[in-house]
Amino acid sequence: MNEDELVANLFRINQTKQKLLRDNIQGENNAKNVHYEVGKKVRKAIADIGGMMPEEMPTPKKSLKELEREKKQLADKKKRKLVAETIE
């Protein structure tokens, strides 16, 4: 998720929360409907401004999980190398 998508999500979450509180929305289905409507309006605002829609944003070549796995493998490799050097 890039910065633009993160900010849009935070804005959507905050506006949904404020509407739920302000309008005293009760019930799960009503809350879901508010969430959906606010999300639709945020997407419309992004489109109206000419911003890039989240589904059009580039995705990373590697997932966070893959990057974390590679980082752990590198750390393990460095540890083994240090241990081998210490033994020698």
C-alpha atoms as a PDB file:
ATOM      1  CA  MET A   1       0.000   0.000   0.000  1.00  0.00           C
ATOM      2  CA  ASN A   2       1.501   3.325  -0.952  1.00  0.00           C
ATOM      3  CA  GLU A   3       1.090   6.613   0.893  1.00  0.00           C
ATOM      4  CA  ASP A   4      -1.905   7.785  -1.175  1.00  0.00           C
ATOM      5  CA  GLU A   5      -3.843   4.583  -0.574  1.00  0.00           C
ATOM      6  CA  LEU A   6      -2.989   4.617   3.129  1.00  0.00           C
ATOM      7  CA  VAL A   7      -4.171   8.211   3.533  1.00  0.00           C
ATOM      8  CA  ALA A   8      -7.408   7.485   1.632  1.00  0.00           C
ATOM      9  CA  ASN A   9      -8.060   4.466   3.864  1.00  0.00           C
ATOM     10  CA  LEU A  10      -7.427   6.441   7.042  1.00  0.00           C
ATOM     11  CA  PHE A  11      -9.696   9.235   5.798  1.00  0.00           C
ATOM     12  CA  ARG A  12     -12.446   6.718   4.941  1.00  0.00           C
ATOM     13  CA  ILE A  13     -12.137   5.020   8.334  1.00  0.00           C
ATOM     14  CA  ASN A  14     -12.227   8.324  10.200  1.00  0.00           C
ATOM     15  CA  GLN A  15     -15.199   9.670   8.237  1.00  0.00           C
ATOM     16  CA  THR A  16     -17.108   6.427   8.752  1.00  0.00           C
ATOM     17  CA  LYS A  17     -16.446   6.535  12.484  1.00  0.00           C
ATOM     18  CA  GLN A  18     -17.560  10.155  12.725  1.00  0.00           C
ATOM     19  CA  LYS A  19     -20.772   9.447  10.778  1.00  0.00           C
ATOM     20  CA  LEU A  20     -21.574   6.404  12.913  1.00  0.00           C
ATOM     21  CA  LEU A  21     -21.164   8.477  16.069  1.00  0.00           C
ATOM     22  CA  ARG A  22     -22.805  11.663  14.789  1.00  0.00           C
ATOM     23  CA  ASP A  23     -25.860   9.871  13.363  1.00  0.00           C
ATOM     24  CA  ASN A  24     -26.013   7.352  16.232  1.00  0.00           C
ATOM     25  CA  ILE A  25     -26.065   4.443  13.781  1.00  0.00           C
ATOM     26  CA  GLN A  26     -27.112   1.215  15.478  1.00  0.00           C
ATOM     27  CA  GLY A  27     -26.799  -2.364  14.240  1.00  0.00           C
ATOM     28  CA  GLU A  28     -24.219  -4.198  12.206  1.00  0.00           C
ATOM     29  CA  ASN A  29     -26.071  -3.977   8.884  1.00  0.00           C
ATOM     30  CA  ASN A  30     -26.616  -0.239   9.261  1.00  0.00           C
ATOM     31  CA  ALA A  31     -22.938   0.242  10.126  1.00  0.00           C
ATOM     32  CA  LYS A  32     -21.907  -1.804   7.072  1.00  0.00           C
ATOM     33  CA  ASN A  33     -24.143   0.321   4.866  1.00  0.00           C
ATOM     34  CA  VAL A  34     -22.592   3.527   6.224  1.00  0.00           C
ATOM     35  CA  HIS A  35     -19.120   2.090   5.698  1.00  0.00           C
ATOM     36  CA  TYR A  36     -19.976   1.195   2.101  1.00  0.00           C
ATOM     37  CA  GLU A  37     -21.538   4.613   1.343  1.00  0.00           C
ATOM     38  CA  VAL A  38     -18.615   6.548   2.815  1.00  0.00           C
ATOM     39  CA  GLY A  39     -16.185   4.369   0.874  1.00  0.00           C
ATOM     40  CA  LYS A  40     -18.101   5.036  -2.339  1.00  0.00           C
ATOM     41  CA  LYS A  41     -17.948   8.795  -1.724  1.00  0.00           C
ATOM     42  CA  VAL A  42     -14.212   8.697  -0.981  1.00  0.00           C
ATOM     43  CA  ARG A  43     -13.609   6.767  -4.216  1.00  0.00           C
ATOM     44  CA  LYS A  44     -15.757   9.277  -6.121  1.00  0.00           C
ATOM     45  CA  ALA A  45     -13.765  12.160  -4.646  1.00  0.00           C
ATOM     46  CA  ILE A  46     -10.494  10.530  -5.706  1.00  0.00           C
ATOM     47  CA  ALA A  47     -11.862   9.994  -9.228  1.00  0.00           C
ATOM     48  CA  ASP A  48     -13.269  13.554  -9.438  1.00  0.00           C
ATOM     49  CA  ILE A  49      -9.925  15.035  -8.414  1.00  0.00           C
ATOM     50  CA  GLY A  50      -8.186  12.914 -11.004  1.00  0.00           C
ATOM     51  CA  GLY A  51      -6.286  10.802  -8.517  1.00  0.00           C
ATOM     52  CA  MET A  52      -5.184   7.261  -9.117  1.00  0.00           C
ATOM     53  CA  MET A  53      -7.647   4.638  -7.970  1.00  0.00           C
ATOM     54  CA  PRO A  54      -6.211   2.029  -5.590  1.00  0.00           C
ATOM     55  CA  GLU A  55      -6.659  -0.818  -8.085  1.00  0.00           C
ATOM     56  CA  GLU A  56      -4.602   1.147 -10.627  1.00  0.00           C
ATOM     57  CA  MET A  57      -1.679   1.673  -8.255  1.00  0.00           C
ATOM     58  CA  PRO A  58       1.433  -0.376  -8.900  1.00  0.00           C
ATOM     59  CA  THR A  59       1.944  -3.393  -6.720  1.00  0.00           C
ATOM     60  CA  PRO A  60       5.323  -4.463  -5.388  1.00  0.00           C
ATOM     61  CA  LYS A  61       7.128  -7.327  -7.104  1.00  0.00           C
ATOM     62  CA  LYS A  62       7.511  -9.151  -3.795  1.00  0.00           C
ATOM     63  CA  SER A  63       5.052  -9.437  -0.945  1.00  0.00           C
ATOM     64  CA  LEU A  64       5.899  -8.288   2.557  1.00  0.00           C
ATOM     65  CA  LYS A  65       5.963 -11.932   3.649  1.00  0.00           C
ATOM     66  CA  GLU A  66       8.555 -12.755   0.955  1.00  0.00           C
ATOM     67  CA  LEU A  67      10.706  -9.776   1.957  1.00  0.00           C
ATOM     68  CA  GLU A  68      10.545 -10.759   5.633  1.00  0.00           C
ATOM     69  CA  ARG A  69      11.528 -14.340   4.753  1.00  0.00           C
ATOM     70  CA  GLU A  70      14.499 -13.108   2.701  1.00  0.00           C
ATOM     71  CA  LYS A  71      15.571 -10.793   5.521  1.00  0.00           C
ATOM     72  CA  LYS A  72      15.454 -13.674   8.012  1.00  0.00           C
ATOM     73  CA  GLN A  73      17.429 -15.917   5.645  1.00  0.00           C
ATOM     74  CA  LEU A  74      20.109 -13.230   5.274  1.00  0.00           C
ATOM     75  CA  ALA A  75      20.298 -12.757   9.035  1.00  0.00           C
ATOM     76  CA  ASP A  76      20.598 -16.513   9.560  1.00  0.00           C
ATOM     77  CA  LYS A  77      23.301 -16.708   6.909  1.00  0.00           C
ATOM     78  CA  LYS A  78      25.266 -13.886   8.600  1.00  0.00           C
ATOM     79  CA  LYS A  79      24.971 -15.635  11.975  1.00  0.00           C
ATOM     80  CA  ARG A  80      26.256 -18.908  10.528  1.00  0.00           C
ATOM     81  CA  LYS A  81      29.146 -17.064   8.891  1.00  0.00           C
ATOM     82  CA  LEU A  82      30.068 -15.325  12.149  1.00  0.00           C
ATOM     83  CA  VAL A  83      29.930 -18.618  14.027  1.00  0.00           C
ATOM     84  CA  ALA A  84      32.110 -20.289  11.387  1.00  0.00           C
ATOM     85  CA  GLU A  85      34.644 -17.439  11.544  1.00  0.00           C
ATOM     86  CA  THR A  86      34.708 -17.611  15.330  1.00  0.00           C
ATOM     87  CA  ILE A  87      35.378 -21.353  15.292  1.00  0.00           C
ATOM     88  CA  GLU A  88      38.264 -20.982  12.839  1.00  0.00           C
END
